[in-house]
All heavy atoms as atom14 arrays in JSON, in Angstrom:
{
  "sequence": "QGHVQLISNLVDYDMPLQRALDEPRWRYREDGHLALEPHFDDDVA",
  "atom14_mask": [
    [1, 1, 1, 1, 1, 1, 1, 1, 1, 0, 0, 0, 0, 0],
    [1, 1, 1, 1, 0, 0, 0, 0, 0, 0, 0, 0, 0, 0],
    [1, 1, 1, 1, 1, 1, 1, 1, 1, 1, 0, 0, 0, 0],
    [1, 1, 1, 1, 1, 1, 1, 0, 0, 0, 0, 0, 0, 0],
    [1, 1, 1, 1, 1, 1, 1, 1, 1, 0, 0, 0, 0, 0],
    [1, 1, 1, 1, 1, 1, 1, 1, 0, 0, 0, 0, 0, 0],
    [1, 1, 1, 1, 1, 1, 1, 1, 0, 0, 0, 0, 0, 0],
    [1, 1, 1, 1, 1, 1, 0, 0, 0, 0, 0, 0, 0, 0],
    [1, 1, 1, 1, 1, 1, 1, 1, 0, 0, 0, 0, 0, 0],
    [1, 1, 1, 1, 1, 1, 1, 1, 0, 0, 0, 0, 0, 0],
    [1, 1, 1, 1, 1, 1, 1, 0, 0, 0, 0, 0, 0, 0],
    [1, 1, 1, 1, 1, 1, 1, 1, 0, 0, 0, 0, 0, 0],
    [1, 1, 1, 1, 1, 1, 1, 1, 1, 1, 1, 1, 0, 0],
    [1, 1, 1, 1, 1, 1, 1, 1, 0, 0, 0, 0, 0, 0],
    [1, 1, 1, 1, 1, 1, 1, 1, 0, 0, 0, 0, 0, 0],
    [1, 1, 1, 1, 1, 1, 1, 0, 0, 0, 0, 0, 0, 0],
    [1, 1, 1, 1, 1, 1, 1, 1, 0, 0, 0, 0, 0, 0],
    [1, 1, 1, 1, 1, 1, 1, 1, 1, 0, 0, 0, 0, 0],
    [1, 1, 1, 1, 1, 1, 1, 1, 1, 1, 1, 0, 0, 0],
    [1, 1, 1, 1, 1, 0, 0, 0, 0, 0, 0, 0, 0, 0],
    [1, 1, 1, 1, 1, 1, 1, 1, 0, 0, 0, 0, 0, 0],
    [1, 1, 1, 1, 1, 1, 1, 1, 0, 0, 0, 0, 0, 0],
    [1, 1, 1, 1, 1, 1, 1, 1, 1, 0, 0, 0, 0, 0],
    [1, 1, 1, 1, 1, 1, 1, 0, 0, 0, 0, 0, 0, 0],
    [1, 1, 1, 1, 1, 1, 1, 1, 1, 1, 1, 0, 0, 0],
    [1, 1, 1, 1, 1, 1, 1, 1, 1, 1, 1, 1, 1, 1],
    [1, 1, 1, 1, 1, 1, 1, 1, 1, 1, 1, 0, 0, 0],
    [1, 1, 1, 1, 1, 1, 1, 1, 1, 1, 1, 1, 0, 0],
    [1, 1, 1, 1, 1, 1, 1, 1, 1, 1, 1, 0, 0, 0],
    [1, 1, 1, 1, 1, 1, 1, 1, 1, 0, 0, 0, 0, 0],
    [1, 1, 1, 1, 1, 1, 1, 1, 0, 0, 0, 0, 0, 0],
    [1, 1, 1, 1, 0, 0, 0, 0, 0, 0, 0, 0, 0, 0],
    [1, 1, 1, 1, 1, 1, 1, 1, 1, 1, 0, 0, 0, 0],
    [1, 1, 1, 1, 1, 1, 1, 1, 0, 0, 0, 0, 0, 0],
    [1, 1, 1, 1, 1, 0, 0, 0, 0, 0, 0, 0, 0, 0],
    [1, 1, 1, 1, 1, 1, 1, 1, 0, 0, 0, 0, 0, 0],
    [1, 1, 1, 1, 1, 1, 1, 1, 1, 0, 0, 0, 0, 0],
    [1, 1, 1, 1, 1, 1, 1, 0, 0, 0, 0, 0, 0, 0],
    [1, 1, 1, 1, 1, 1, 1, 1, 1, 1, 0, 0, 0, 0],
    [1, 1, 1, 1, 1, 1, 1, 1, 1, 1, 1, 0, 0, 0],
    [1, 1, 1, 1, 1, 1, 1, 1, 0, 0, 0, 0, 0, 0],
    [1, 1, 1, 1, 1, 1, 1, 1, 0, 0, 0, 0, 0, 0],
    [1, 1, 1, 1, 1, 1, 1, 1, 0, 0, 0, 0, 0, 0],
    [1, 1, 1, 1, 1, 1, 1, 0, 0, 0, 0, 0, 0, 0],
    [1, 1, 1, 1, 1, 0, 0, 0, 0, 0, 0, 0, 0, 0]
  ],
  "atom14_positions": [
    [[0.83, -1.2, 0.0], [0.0, 0.0, 0.0], [0.87, 1.25, 0.0], [0.56, 2.25, -0.66], [-0.91, 0.0, 1.22], [-1.77, -1.25, 1.33], [-2.82, -1.17, 2.4], [-3.77, -0.39, 2.29], [-2.69, -1.98, 3.43], [0.0, 0.0, 0.0], [0.0, 0.0, 0.0], [0.0, 0.0, 0.0], [0.0, 0.0, 0.0], [0.0, 0.0, 0.0]],
    [[1.97, 1.19, 0.76], [2.9, 2.31, 0.76], [3.6, 2.48, -0.56], [3.84, 3.61, -1.01], [0.0, 0.0, 0.0], [0.0, 0.0, 0.0], [0.0, 0.0, 0.0], [0.0, 0.0, 0.0], [0.0, 0.0, 0.0], [0.0, 0.0, 0.0], [0.0, 0.0, 0.0], [0.0, 0.0, 0.0], [0.0, 0.0, 0.0], [0.0, 0.0, 0.0]],
    [[3.95, 1.38, -1.22], [4.58, 1.47, -2.54], [3.67, 2.19, -3.53], [4.11, 3.06, -4.29], [4.88, 0.06, -3.07], [6.08, -0.58, -2.45], [6.85, -1.5, -3.11], [6.67, -0.43, -1.23], [7.85, -1.9, -2.33], [7.73, -1.25, -1.18], [0.0, 0.0, 0.0], [0.0, 0.0, 0.0], [0.0, 0.0, 0.0], [0.0, 0.0, 0.0]],
    [[2.4, 1.81, -3.52], [1.44, 2.43, -4.43], [1.35, 3.93, -4.19], [1.38, 4.74, -5.13], [0.06, 1.77, -4.26], [-1.03, 2.57, -4.98], [0.08, 0.33, -4.79], [0.0, 0.0, 0.0], [0.0, 0.0, 0.0], [0.0, 0.0, 0.0], [0.0, 0.0, 0.0], [0.0, 0.0, 0.0], [0.0, 0.0, 0.0], [0.0, 0.0, 0.0]],
    [[1.27, 4.34, -2.93], [1.1, 5.76, -2.62], [2.36, 6.55, -2.94], [2.29, 7.67, -3.46], [0.71, 5.91, -1.15], [-0.69, 5.37, -0.88], [-1.03, 5.29, 0.59], [-1.29, 6.32, 1.23], [-1.06, 4.09, 1.15], [0.0, 0.0, 0.0], [0.0, 0.0, 0.0], [0.0, 0.0, 0.0], [0.0, 0.0, 0.0], [0.0, 0.0, 0.0]],
    [[3.52, 5.98, -2.64], [4.76, 6.69, -2.92], [4.96, 6.86, -4.42], [5.3, 7.96, -4.89], [5.95, 5.92, -2.32], [7.34, 6.48, -2.63], [7.47, 7.93, -2.21], [8.41, 5.63, -1.94], [0.0, 0.0, 0.0], [0.0, 0.0, 0.0], [0.0, 0.0, 0.0], [0.0, 0.0, 0.0], [0.0, 0.0, 0.0], [0.0, 0.0, 0.0]],
    [[4.76, 5.79, -5.2], [4.92, 5.9, -6.65], [3.95, 6.91, -7.24], [4.3, 7.74, -8.08], [4.74, 4.52, -7.31], [5.91, 3.59, -6.94], [4.64, 4.65, -8.83], [7.26, 4.07, -7.41], [0.0, 0.0, 0.0], [0.0, 0.0, 0.0], [0.0, 0.0, 0.0], [0.0, 0.0, 0.0], [0.0, 0.0, 0.0], [0.0, 0.0, 0.0]],
    [[2.72, 6.89, -6.78], [1.74, 7.86, -7.28], [2.12, 9.29, -6.93], [2.01, 10.2, -7.76], [0.35, 7.54, -6.72], [-0.59, 8.54, -7.1], [0.0, 0.0, 0.0], [0.0, 0.0, 0.0], [0.0, 0.0, 0.0], [0.0, 0.0, 0.0], [0.0, 0.0, 0.0], [0.0, 0.0, 0.0], [0.0, 0.0, 0.0], [0.0, 0.0, 0.0]],
    [[2.58, 9.5, -5.69], [3.0, 10.85, -5.29], [4.09, 11.39, -6.2], [4.1, 12.57, -6.56], [3.5, 10.84, -3.84], [2.37, 10.69, -2.83], [1.19, 10.67, -3.19], [2.73, 10.57, -1.57], [0.0, 0.0, 0.0], [0.0, 0.0, 0.0], [0.0, 0.0, 0.0], [0.0, 0.0, 0.0], [0.0, 0.0, 0.0], [0.0, 0.0, 0.0]],
    [[5.02, 10.52, -6.57], [6.14, 10.95, -7.41], [5.76, 11.08, -8.86], [6.18, 12.02, -9.54], [7.3, 9.94, -7.26], [7.95, 9.85, -5.88], [8.86, 8.64, -5.81], [8.72, 11.13, -5.56], [0.0, 0.0, 0.0], [0.0, 0.0, 0.0], [0.0, 0.0, 0.0], [0.0, 0.0, 0.0], [0.0, 0.0, 0.0], [0.0, 0.0, 0.0]],
    [[4.96, 10.15, -9.37], [4.65, 10.1, -10.81], [3.44, 10.97, -11.16], [3.49, 11.76, -12.11], [4.41, 8.64, -11.24], [3.95, 8.58, -12.69], [5.68, 7.81, -11.06], [0.0, 0.0, 0.0], [0.0, 0.0, 0.0], [0.0, 0.0, 0.0], [0.0, 0.0, 0.0], [0.0, 0.0, 0.0], [0.0, 0.0, 0.0], [0.0, 0.0, 0.0]],
    [[2.36, 10.83, -10.4], [1.13, 11.54, -10.74], [1.15, 13.0, -10.28], [0.55, 13.86, -10.92], [-0.08, 10.85, -10.1], [-0.31, 9.46, -10.64], [-0.06, 9.24, -11.84], [-0.74, 8.59, -9.86], [0.0, 0.0, 0.0], [0.0, 0.0, 0.0], [0.0, 0.0, 0.0], [0.0, 0.0, 0.0], [0.0, 0.0, 0.0], [0.0, 0.0, 0.0]],
    [[1.83, 13.25, -9.15], [1.74, 14.58, -8.54], [3.08, 15.3, -8.48], [3.16, 16.39, -7.9], [1.11, 14.45, -7.15], [-0.27, 13.83, -7.22], [-0.46, 12.47, -6.97], [-1.37, 14.58, -7.61], [-1.72, 11.88, -7.07], [-2.64, 14.0, -7.7], [-2.8, 12.65, -7.44], [-4.05, 12.09, -7.55], [0.0, 0.0, 0.0], [0.0, 0.0, 0.0]],
    [[4.11, 14.7, -9.08], [5.42, 15.36, -9.26], [5.95, 15.94, -7.96], [6.44, 17.06, -7.91], [5.3, 16.45, -10.33], [6.66, 16.99, -10.74], [7.63, 16.22, -10.7], [6.75, 18.18, -11.09], [0.0, 0.0, 0.0], [0.0, 0.0, 0.0], [0.0, 0.0, 0.0], [0.0, 0.0, 0.0], [0.0, 0.0, 0.0], [0.0, 0.0, 0.0]],
    [[5.86, 15.19, -6.88], [6.33, 15.69, -5.59], [7.84, 15.49, -5.44], [8.4, 14.51, -5.92], [5.63, 14.95, -4.45], [4.15, 15.24, -4.33], [3.47, 14.39, -2.89], [1.72, 14.77, -3.11], [0.0, 0.0, 0.0], [0.0, 0.0, 0.0], [0.0, 0.0, 0.0], [0.0, 0.0, 0.0], [0.0, 0.0, 0.0], [0.0, 0.0, 0.0]],
    [[8.51, 16.4, -4.74], [9.89, 16.14, -4.34], [9.94, 14.91, -3.44], [8.93, 14.55, -2.81], [10.28, 17.41, -3.57], [9.28, 18.44, -3.96], [8.01, 17.7, -4.27], [0.0, 0.0, 0.0], [0.0, 0.0, 0.0], [0.0, 0.0, 0.0], [0.0, 0.0, 0.0], [0.0, 0.0, 0.0], [0.0, 0.0, 0.0], [0.0, 0.0, 0.0]],
    [[11.1, 14.28, -3.33], [11.2, 13.03, -2.59], [10.69, 13.15, -1.16], [9.92, 12.31, -0.68], [12.65, 12.53, -2.57], [13.31, 12.21, -3.91], [14.67, 11.56, -3.66], [12.43, 11.31, -4.76], [0.0, 0.0, 0.0], [0.0, 0.0, 0.0], [0.0, 0.0, 0.0], [0.0, 0.0, 0.0], [0.0, 0.0, 0.0], [0.0, 0.0, 0.0]],
    [[11.15, 14.18, -0.45], [10.78, 14.27, 0.95], [9.28, 14.49, 1.14], [8.66, 13.87, 2.01], [11.56, 15.39, 1.64], [11.42, 15.4, 3.16], [11.92, 14.12, 3.8], [13.07, 13.75, 3.64], [11.05, 13.44, 4.53], [0.0, 0.0, 0.0], [0.0, 0.0, 0.0], [0.0, 0.0, 0.0], [0.0, 0.0, 0.0], [0.0, 0.0, 0.0]],
    [[8.7, 15.34, 0.33], [7.27, 15.56, 0.45], [6.49, 14.29, 0.11], [5.47, 13.98, 0.76], [6.82, 16.71, -0.46], [5.32, 16.97, -0.35], [4.84, 18.08, -1.25], [3.39, 18.15, -1.23], [2.66, 18.92, -2.03], [3.26, 19.71, -2.91], [1.35, 18.93, -1.94], [0.0, 0.0, 0.0], [0.0, 0.0, 0.0], [0.0, 0.0, 0.0]],
    [[6.97, 13.52, -0.86], [6.28, 12.3, -1.26], [6.2, 11.31, -0.1], [5.25, 10.53, 0.0], [6.99, 11.66, -2.45], [0.0, 0.0, 0.0], [0.0, 0.0, 0.0], [0.0, 0.0, 0.0], [0.0, 0.0, 0.0], [0.0, 0.0, 0.0], [0.0, 0.0, 0.0], [0.0, 0.0, 0.0], [0.0, 0.0, 0.0], [0.0, 0.0, 0.0]],
    [[7.2, 11.34, 0.77], [7.19, 10.47, 1.94], [6.41, 11.05, 3.1], [5.81, 10.33, 3.9], [8.63, 10.18, 2.4], [9.53, 9.44, 1.42], [10.87, 9.13, 2.09], [8.9, 8.15, 0.93], [0.0, 0.0, 0.0], [0.0, 0.0, 0.0], [0.0, 0.0, 0.0], [0.0, 0.0, 0.0], [0.0, 0.0, 0.0], [0.0, 0.0, 0.0]],
    [[6.42, 12.37, 3.22], [5.79, 13.02, 4.38], [4.27, 13.11, 4.28], [3.58, 13.22, 5.3], [6.35, 14.44, 4.55], [7.71, 14.45, 5.22], [8.13, 13.39, 5.73], [8.37, 15.51, 5.22], [0.0, 0.0, 0.0], [0.0, 0.0, 0.0], [0.0, 0.0, 0.0], [0.0, 0.0, 0.0], [0.0, 0.0, 0.0], [0.0, 0.0, 0.0]],
    [[3.74, 13.1, 3.07], [2.29, 13.24, 2.93], [1.57, 12.13, 3.71], [2.02, 10.99, 3.75], [1.89, 13.16, 1.45], [2.23, 14.41, 0.65], [1.4, 15.62, 1.07], [0.27, 15.43, 1.57], [1.88, 16.75, 0.89], [0.0, 0.0, 0.0], [0.0, 0.0, 0.0], [0.0, 0.0, 0.0], [0.0, 0.0, 0.0], [0.0, 0.0, 0.0]],
    [[0.45, 12.45, 4.35], [-0.27, 11.44, 5.14], [-0.73, 10.27, 4.26], [-1.12, 10.45, 3.12], [-1.45, 12.21, 5.72], [-1.61, 13.4, 4.84], [-0.24, 13.75, 4.36], [0.0, 0.0, 0.0], [0.0, 0.0, 0.0], [0.0, 0.0, 0.0], [0.0, 0.0, 0.0], [0.0, 0.0, 0.0], [0.0, 0.0, 0.0], [0.0, 0.0, 0.0]],
    [[-0.67, 9.09, 4.85], [-1.01, 7.89, 4.11], [-2.31, 7.27, 4.63], [-2.75, 7.53, 5.74], [0.14, 6.87, 4.23], [1.41, 7.35, 3.55], [2.37, 6.2, 3.27], [3.2, 5.83, 4.39], [4.43, 6.3, 4.61], [4.96, 7.2, 3.79], [5.13, 5.88, 5.65], [0.0, 0.0, 0.0], [0.0, 0.0, 0.0], [0.0, 0.0, 0.0]],
    [[-2.89, 6.43, 3.8], [-4.04, 5.64, 4.17], [-3.63, 4.17, 4.12], [-2.61, 3.82, 3.53], [-5.21, 5.87, 3.2], [-4.81, 5.77, 1.74], [-4.42, 6.79, 0.92], [-4.69, 4.56, 0.97], [-4.07, 6.29, -0.32], [-4.22, 4.93, -0.31], [-4.9, 3.21, 1.23], [-3.99, 3.99, -1.33], [-4.67, 2.28, 0.23], [-4.24, 2.67, -1.04]],
    [[-4.41, 3.31, 4.71], [-4.18, 1.87, 4.57], [-5.47, 1.11, 4.78], [-6.26, 1.4, 5.68], [-3.1, 1.38, 5.54], [-3.44, 1.45, 6.99], [-2.31, 0.9, 7.88], [-2.06, -0.52, 7.62], [-1.13, -1.22, 8.27], [-0.35, -0.62, 9.16], [-0.97, -2.49, 8.02], [0.0, 0.0, 0.0], [0.0, 0.0, 0.0], [0.0, 0.0, 0.0]],
    [[-5.67, 0.14, 3.92], [-6.83, -0.74, 4.05], [-6.49, -1.83, 5.06], [-5.42, -2.42, 5.01], [-7.17, -1.34, 2.68], [-8.39, -2.23, 2.7], [-9.65, -1.7, 2.98], [-8.28, -3.59, 2.47], [-10.77, -2.52, 3.01], [-9.39, -4.41, 2.48], [-10.63, -3.87, 2.77], [-11.73, -4.68, 2.82], [0.0, 0.0, 0.0], [0.0, 0.0, 0.0]],
    [[-7.41, -2.06, 5.99], [-7.17, -3.02, 7.07], [-7.96, -4.31, 6.84], [-9.01, -4.31, 6.19], [-7.61, -2.41, 8.41], [-6.99, -1.06, 8.75], [-5.62, -1.19, 9.33], [-5.67, -1.83, 10.64], [-4.57, -2.08, 11.36], [-3.38, -1.77, 10.9], [-4.67, -2.66, 12.54], [0.0, 0.0, 0.0], [0.0, 0.0, 0.0], [0.0, 0.0, 0.0]],
    [[-7.47, -5.4, 7.42], [-8.12, -6.69, 7.22], [-9.54, -6.72, 7.76], [-10.38, -7.52, 7.31], [-7.31, -7.81, 7.84], [-7.18, -7.72, 9.36], [-6.88, -9.06, 9.98], [-7.6, -10.02, 9.68], [-5.95, -9.14, 10.78], [0.0, 0.0, 0.0], [0.0, 0.0, 0.0], [0.0, 0.0, 0.0], [0.0, 0.0, 0.0], [0.0, 0.0, 0.0]],
    [[-9.86, -5.86, 8.75], [-11.22, -5.85, 9.3], [-12.19, -5.04, 8.47], [-13.35, -4.85, 8.84], [-11.2, -5.34, 10.75], [-10.73, -3.89, 10.86], [-10.47, -3.25, 9.82], [-10.6, -3.41, 12.0], [0.0, 0.0, 0.0], [0.0, 0.0, 0.0], [0.0, 0.0, 0.0], [0.0, 0.0, 0.0], [0.0, 0.0, 0.0], [0.0, 0.0, 0.0]],
    [[-11.71, -4.58, 7.31], [-12.58, -3.82, 6.4], [-12.54, -2.33, 6.58], [-13.18, -1.59, 5.83], [0.0, 0.0, 0.0], [0.0, 0.0, 0.0], [0.0, 0.0, 0.0], [0.0, 0.0, 0.0], [0.0, 0.0, 0.0], [0.0, 0.0, 0.0], [0.0, 0.0, 0.0], [0.0, 0.0, 0.0], [0.0, 0.0, 0.0], [0.0, 0.0, 0.0]],
    [[-11.8, -1.85, 7.58], [-11.69, -0.41, 7.8], [-10.68, 0.22, 6.84], [-9.68, -0.42, 6.48], [-11.26, -0.1, 9.24], [-12.38, -0.18, 10.22], [-12.74, -1.35, 10.86], [-13.22, 0.78, 10.7], [-13.75, -1.12, 11.66], [-14.06, 0.15, 11.6], [0.0, 0.0, 0.0], [0.0, 0.0, 0.0], [0.0, 0.0, 0.0], [0.0, 0.0, 0.0]],
    [[-10.92, 1.44, 6.47], [-9.96, 2.25, 5.75], [-9.37, 3.22, 6.76], [-10.04, 4.13, 7.24], [-10.63, 3.01, 4.6], [-9.73, 3.91, 3.76], [-8.61, 3.11, 3.1], [-10.54, 4.66, 2.71], [0.0, 0.0, 0.0], [0.0, 0.0, 0.0], [0.0, 0.0, 0.0], [0.0, 0.0, 0.0], [0.0, 0.0, 0.0], [0.0, 0.0, 0.0]],
    [[-8.12, 2.99, 7.13], [-7.48, 3.8, 8.15], [-6.78, 5.0, 7.52], [-6.18, 4.89, 6.44], [-6.47, 2.96, 8.93], [0.0, 0.0, 0.0], [0.0, 0.0, 0.0], [0.0, 0.0, 0.0], [0.0, 0.0, 0.0], [0.0, 0.0, 0.0], [0.0, 0.0, 0.0], [0.0, 0.0, 0.0], [0.0, 0.0, 0.0], [0.0, 0.0, 0.0]],
    [[-6.86, 6.14, 8.2], [-6.22, 7.37, 7.74], [-5.28, 7.89, 8.82], [-5.56, 7.75, 10.01], [-7.27, 8.45, 7.44], [-8.39, 8.13, 6.46], [-9.33, 9.34, 6.35], [-7.83, 7.77, 5.09], [0.0, 0.0, 0.0], [0.0, 0.0, 0.0], [0.0, 0.0, 0.0], [0.0, 0.0, 0.0], [0.0, 0.0, 0.0], [0.0, 0.0, 0.0]],
    [[-4.19, 8.49, 8.38], [-3.33, 9.2, 9.33], [-4.04, 10.46, 9.82], [-4.9, 11.02, 9.12], [-2.0, 9.56, 8.68], [-1.0, 8.43, 8.66], [0.41, 8.91, 8.38], [1.12, 9.24, 9.35], [0.79, 8.94, 7.2], [0.0, 0.0, 0.0], [0.0, 0.0, 0.0], [0.0, 0.0, 0.0], [0.0, 0.0, 0.0], [0.0, 0.0, 0.0]],
    [[-3.67, 10.95, 10.99], [-4.37, 12.11, 11.57], [-4.31, 13.37, 10.72], [-5.17, 14.24, 10.86], [-3.65, 12.32, 12.91], [-3.07, 10.99, 13.24], [-2.69, 10.38, 11.93], [0.0, 0.0, 0.0], [0.0, 0.0, 0.0], [0.0, 0.0, 0.0], [0.0, 0.0, 0.0], [0.0, 0.0, 0.0], [0.0, 0.0, 0.0], [0.0, 0.0, 0.0]],
    [[-3.31, 13.5, 9.84], [-3.13, 14.75, 9.11], [-4.09, 14.91, 7.92], [-4.06, 15.95, 7.26], [-1.69, 14.86, 8.63], [-0.69, 14.79, 9.74], [-0.63, 15.73, 10.75], [0.26, 13.88, 10.05], [0.33, 15.42, 11.6], [0.88, 14.29, 11.2], [0.0, 0.0, 0.0], [0.0, 0.0, 0.0], [0.0, 0.0, 0.0], [0.0, 0.0, 0.0]],
    [[-4.91, 13.9, 7.65], [-5.91, 14.07, 6.59], [-6.94, 15.11, 7.01], [-7.3, 15.23, 8.18], [-6.62, 12.75, 6.31], [-5.96, 11.89, 5.27], [-5.11, 10.87, 5.65], [-6.18, 12.11, 3.92], [-4.48, 10.07, 4.71], [-5.56, 11.32, 2.97], [-4.71, 10.3, 3.35], [0.0, 0.0, 0.0], [0.0, 0.0, 0.0], [0.0, 0.0, 0.0]],
    [[-7.45, 15.82, 6.02], [-8.51, 16.79, 6.27], [-9.78, 16.07, 6.71], [-10.12, 15.01, 6.17], [-8.78, 17.59, 4.98], [-9.67, 18.78, 5.22], [-10.87, 18.58, 5.52], [-9.18, 19.92, 5.1], [0.0, 0.0, 0.0], [0.0, 0.0, 0.0], [0.0, 0.0, 0.0], [0.0, 0.0, 0.0], [0.0, 0.0, 0.0], [0.0, 0.0, 0.0]],
    [[-10.45, 16.61, 7.7], [-11.68, 15.99, 8.2], [-12.72, 15.83, 7.11], [-13.52, 14.89, 7.12], [-12.27, 16.82, 9.35], [-11.43, 16.75, 10.6], [-10.61, 15.83, 10.72], [-11.57, 17.65, 11.46], [0.0, 0.0, 0.0], [0.0, 0.0, 0.0], [0.0, 0.0, 0.0], [0.0, 0.0, 0.0], [0.0, 0.0, 0.0], [0.0, 0.0, 0.0]],
    [[-12.72, 16.73, 6.13], [-13.67, 16.66, 5.04], [-13.46, 15.42, 4.2], [-14.42, 14.82, 3.71], [-13.55, 17.93, 4.18], [-14.61, 18.0, 3.1], [-15.81, 17.91, 3.44], [-14.25, 18.12, 1.91], [0.0, 0.0, 0.0], [0.0, 0.0, 0.0], [0.0, 0.0, 0.0], [0.0, 0.0, 0.0], [0.0, 0.0, 0.0], [0.0, 0.0, 0.0]],
    [[-12.19, 15.02, 4.02], [-11.89, 13.81, 3.26], [-12.47, 12.59, 3.96], [-13.11, 11.73, 3.34], [-10.37, 13.65, 3.06], [-10.03, 12.27, 2.49], [-9.83, 14.74, 2.16], [0.0, 0.0, 0.0], [0.0, 0.0, 0.0], [0.0, 0.0, 0.0], [0.0, 0.0, 0.0], [0.0, 0.0, 0.0], [0.0, 0.0, 0.0], [0.0, 0.0, 0.0]],
    [[-12.28, 12.5, 5.26], [-12.81, 11.37, 6.02], [-14.33, 11.29, 5.92], [-14.9, 10.2, 5.72], [-12.37, 11.47, 7.47], [0.0, 0.0, 0.0], [0.0, 0.0, 0.0], [0.0, 0.0, 0.0], [0.0, 0.0, 0.0], [0.0, 0.0, 0.0], [0.0, 0.0, 0.0], [0.0, 0.0, 0.0], [0.0, 0.0, 0.0], [0.0, 0.0, 0.0]]
  ]
}
């Protein structure tokens, strides 16, 4: 999941390396939840 997000940040959104890693990430969990890091905008959630 991290590979997908990092590659997209670099390829689709042309981010510098450090920003591509620092951006908040999401992850799909085995219990069916979509987990978000705290830095996501509340509107996105």
